[in-house]
Amino acid sequence: MVCLGGSFPQLQKLHFYKLEEWEAWIVEEGSMPLLHTVRIFFCEKFKEIPDRLRNITIC
Protein backbone atom coordinates (compact mmCIF):
# COMPACT_ATOMS: atom_id res chain seq x y z
CA MET A 1 0.00 0.00 0.00
CA VAL A 2 1.30 3.48 -0.88
CA CYS A 3 -0.03 6.79 0.48
CA LEU A 4 1.23 9.54 -1.81
CA GLY A 5 2.29 12.96 -0.53
CA GLY A 6 -0.72 15.24 -0.14
CA SER A 7 -3.18 12.38 0.13
CA PHE A 8 -5.83 12.22 2.86
CA PRO A 9 -5.23 15.74 4.25
CA GLN A 10 -8.11 15.54 6.79
CA LEU A 11 -7.68 11.93 7.95
CA GLN A 12 -7.24 11.63 11.73
CA LYS A 13 -7.95 7.97 12.53
CA LEU A 14 -7.27 4.91 10.43
CA HIS A 15 -8.23 1.27 11.09
CA PHE A 16 -7.01 -1.75 9.13
CA TYR A 17 -8.87 -5.03 9.64
CA LYS A 18 -8.28 -8.47 8.16
CA LEU A 19 -6.02 -7.44 5.29
CA GLU A 20 -4.68 -10.96 4.98
CA GLU A 21 -2.21 -10.30 2.14
CA TRP A 22 -1.03 -6.83 3.26
CA GLU A 23 2.73 -6.80 3.87
CA ALA A 24 4.09 -3.28 3.41
CA TRP A 25 2.94 0.30 3.83
CA ILE A 26 4.75 3.26 2.28
CA VAL A 27 3.78 6.71 3.53
CA GLU A 28 5.26 9.60 1.58
CA GLU A 29 6.02 12.96 3.19
CA GLY A 30 2.96 15.21 3.34
CA SER A 31 0.52 12.32 3.38
CA MET A 32 -2.08 12.21 6.19
CA PRO A 33 -0.72 15.23 8.12
CA LEU A 34 -3.48 15.11 10.79
CA LEU A 35 -3.31 11.36 11.43
CA HIS A 36 -2.96 10.61 15.15
CA THR A 37 -4.31 7.07 15.62
CA VAL A 38 -3.82 3.85 13.64
CA ARG A 39 -5.30 0.50 14.61
CA ILE A 40 -4.22 -2.70 12.92
CA PHE A 41 -6.19 -5.91 13.54
CA PHE A 42 -5.63 -9.38 12.07
CA CYS A 43 -3.12 -8.32 9.41
CA GLU A 44 -0.84 -11.31 9.89
CA LYS A 45 1.61 -10.61 7.06
CA PHE A 46 2.11 -6.92 7.84
CA LYS A 47 5.77 -6.33 8.68
CA GLU A 48 6.38 -2.85 10.14
CA ILE A 49 5.04 0.62 10.78
CA PRO A 50 6.54 3.23 8.42
CA ASP A 51 9.17 5.44 10.07
CA ARG A 52 7.10 8.56 9.36
CA LEU A 53 4.33 7.19 11.64
CA ARG A 54 6.43 6.12 14.63
CA ASN A 55 5.32 9.12 16.73
CA ILE A 56 1.56 8.44 16.56
CA THR A 57 -0.60 6.02 18.55
CA ILE A 58 -0.56 2.53 17.08
CA CYS A 59 -2.99 0.02 18.59
C-alpha atoms as a PDB file:
ATOM      1  CA  MET A   1       0.000   0.000   0.000  1.00  0.00           C
ATOM      2  CA  VAL A   2       1.297   3.476  -0.883  1.00  0.00           C
ATOM      3  CA  CYS A   3      -0.027   6.787   0.479  1.00  0.00           C
ATOM      4  CA  LEU A   4       1.229   9.538  -1.811  1.00  0.00           C
ATOM      5  CA  GLY A   5       2.290  12.963  -0.532  1.00  0.00           C
ATOM      6  CA  GLY A   6      -0.723  15.238  -0.144  1.00  0.00           C
ATOM      7  CA  SER A   7      -3.180  12.377   0.128  1.00  0.00           C
ATOM      8  CA  PHE A   8      -5.830  12.222   2.863  1.00  0.00           C
ATOM      9  CA  PRO A   9      -5.225  15.744   4.255  1.00  0.00           C
ATOM     10  CA  GLN A  10      -8.114  15.538   6.790  1.00  0.00           C
ATOM     11  CA  LEU A  11      -7.678  11.926   7.952  1.00  0.00           C
ATOM     12  CA  GLN A  12      -7.244  11.629  11.725  1.00  0.00           C
ATOM     13  CA  LYS A  13      -7.945   7.968  12.531  1.00  0.00           C
ATOM     14  CA  LEU A  14      -7.274   4.907  10.428  1.00  0.00           C
ATOM     15  CA  HIS A  15      -8.231   1.275  11.087  1.00  0.00           C
ATOM     16  CA  PHE A  16      -7.014  -1.746   9.127  1.00  0.00           C
ATOM     17  CA  TYR A  17      -8.873  -5.030   9.637  1.00  0.00           C
ATOM     18  CA  LYS A  18      -8.279  -8.473   8.155  1.00  0.00           C
ATOM     19  CA  LEU A  19      -6.015  -7.443   5.291  1.00  0.00           C
ATOM     20  CA  GLU A  20      -4.680 -10.957   4.980  1.00  0.00           C
ATOM     21  CA  GLU A  21      -2.207 -10.305   2.143  1.00  0.00           C
ATOM     22  CA  TRP A  22      -1.027  -6.831   3.256  1.00  0.00           C
ATOM     23  CA  GLU A  23       2.728  -6.804   3.869  1.00  0.00           C
ATOM     24  CA  ALA A  24       4.089  -3.280   3.406  1.00  0.00           C
ATOM     25  CA  TRP A  25       2.941   0.300   3.833  1.00  0.00           C
ATOM     26  CA  ILE A  26       4.748   3.258   2.283  1.00  0.00           C
ATOM     27  CA  VAL A  27       3.779   6.706   3.534  1.00  0.00           C
ATOM     28  CA  GLU A  28       5.255   9.604   1.582  1.00  0.00           C
ATOM     29  CA  GLU A  29       6.024  12.957   3.186  1.00  0.00           C
ATOM     30  CA  GLY A  30       2.964  15.213   3.336  1.00  0.00           C
ATOM     31  CA  SER A  31       0.521  12.321   3.380  1.00  0.00           C
ATOM     32  CA  MET A  32      -2.081  12.210   6.189  1.00  0.00           C
ATOM     33  CA  PRO A  33      -0.725  15.232   8.124  1.00  0.00           C
ATOM     34  CA  LEU A  34      -3.485  15.109  10.790  1.00  0.00           C
ATOM     35  CA  LEU A  35      -3.307  11.362  11.433  1.00  0.00           C
ATOM     36  CA  HIS A  36      -2.960  10.615  15.149  1.00  0.00           C
ATOM     37  CA  THR A  37      -4.306   7.074  15.615  1.00  0.00           C
ATOM     38  CA  VAL A  38      -3.818   3.851  13.638  1.00  0.00           C
ATOM     39  CA  ARG A  39      -5.302   0.501  14.607  1.00  0.00           C
ATOM     40  CA  ILE A  40      -4.222  -2.701  12.916  1.00  0.00           C
ATOM     41  CA  PHE A  41      -6.192  -5.913  13.538  1.00  0.00           C
ATOM     42  CA  PHE A  42      -5.634  -9.384  12.069  1.00  0.00           C
ATOM     43  CA  CYS A  43      -3.124  -8.320   9.408  1.00  0.00           C
ATOM     44  CA  GLU A  44      -0.845 -11.305   9.894  1.00  0.00           C
ATOM     45  CA  LYS A  45       1.611 -10.606   7.063  1.00  0.00           C
ATOM     46  CA  PHE A  46       2.109  -6.916   7.839  1.00  0.00           C
ATOM     47  CA  LYS A  47       5.770  -6.328   8.675  1.00  0.00           C
ATOM     48  CA  GLU A  48       6.377  -2.852  10.137  1.00  0.00           C
ATOM     49  CA  ILE A  49       5.041   0.622  10.780  1.00  0.00           C
ATOM     50  CA  PRO A  50       6.543   3.226   8.420  1.00  0.00           C
ATOM     51  CA  ASP A  51       9.173   5.440  10.072  1.00  0.00           C
ATOM     52  CA  ARG A  52       7.095   8.555   9.364  1.00  0.00           C
ATOM     53  CA  LEU A  53       4.334   7.192  11.645  1.00  0.00           C
ATOM     54  CA  ARG A  54       6.431   6.123  14.629  1.00  0.00           C
ATOM     55  CA  ASN A  55       5.316   9.121  16.733  1.00  0.00           C
ATOM     56  CA  ILE A  56       1.556   8.442  16.560  1.00  0.00           C
ATOM     57  CA  THR A  57      -0.603   6.024  18.550  1.00  0.00           C
ATOM     58  CA  ILE A  58      -0.564   2.535  17.084  1.00  0.00           C
ATOM     59  CA  CYS A  59      -2.992   0.020  18.594  1.00  0.00           C
END
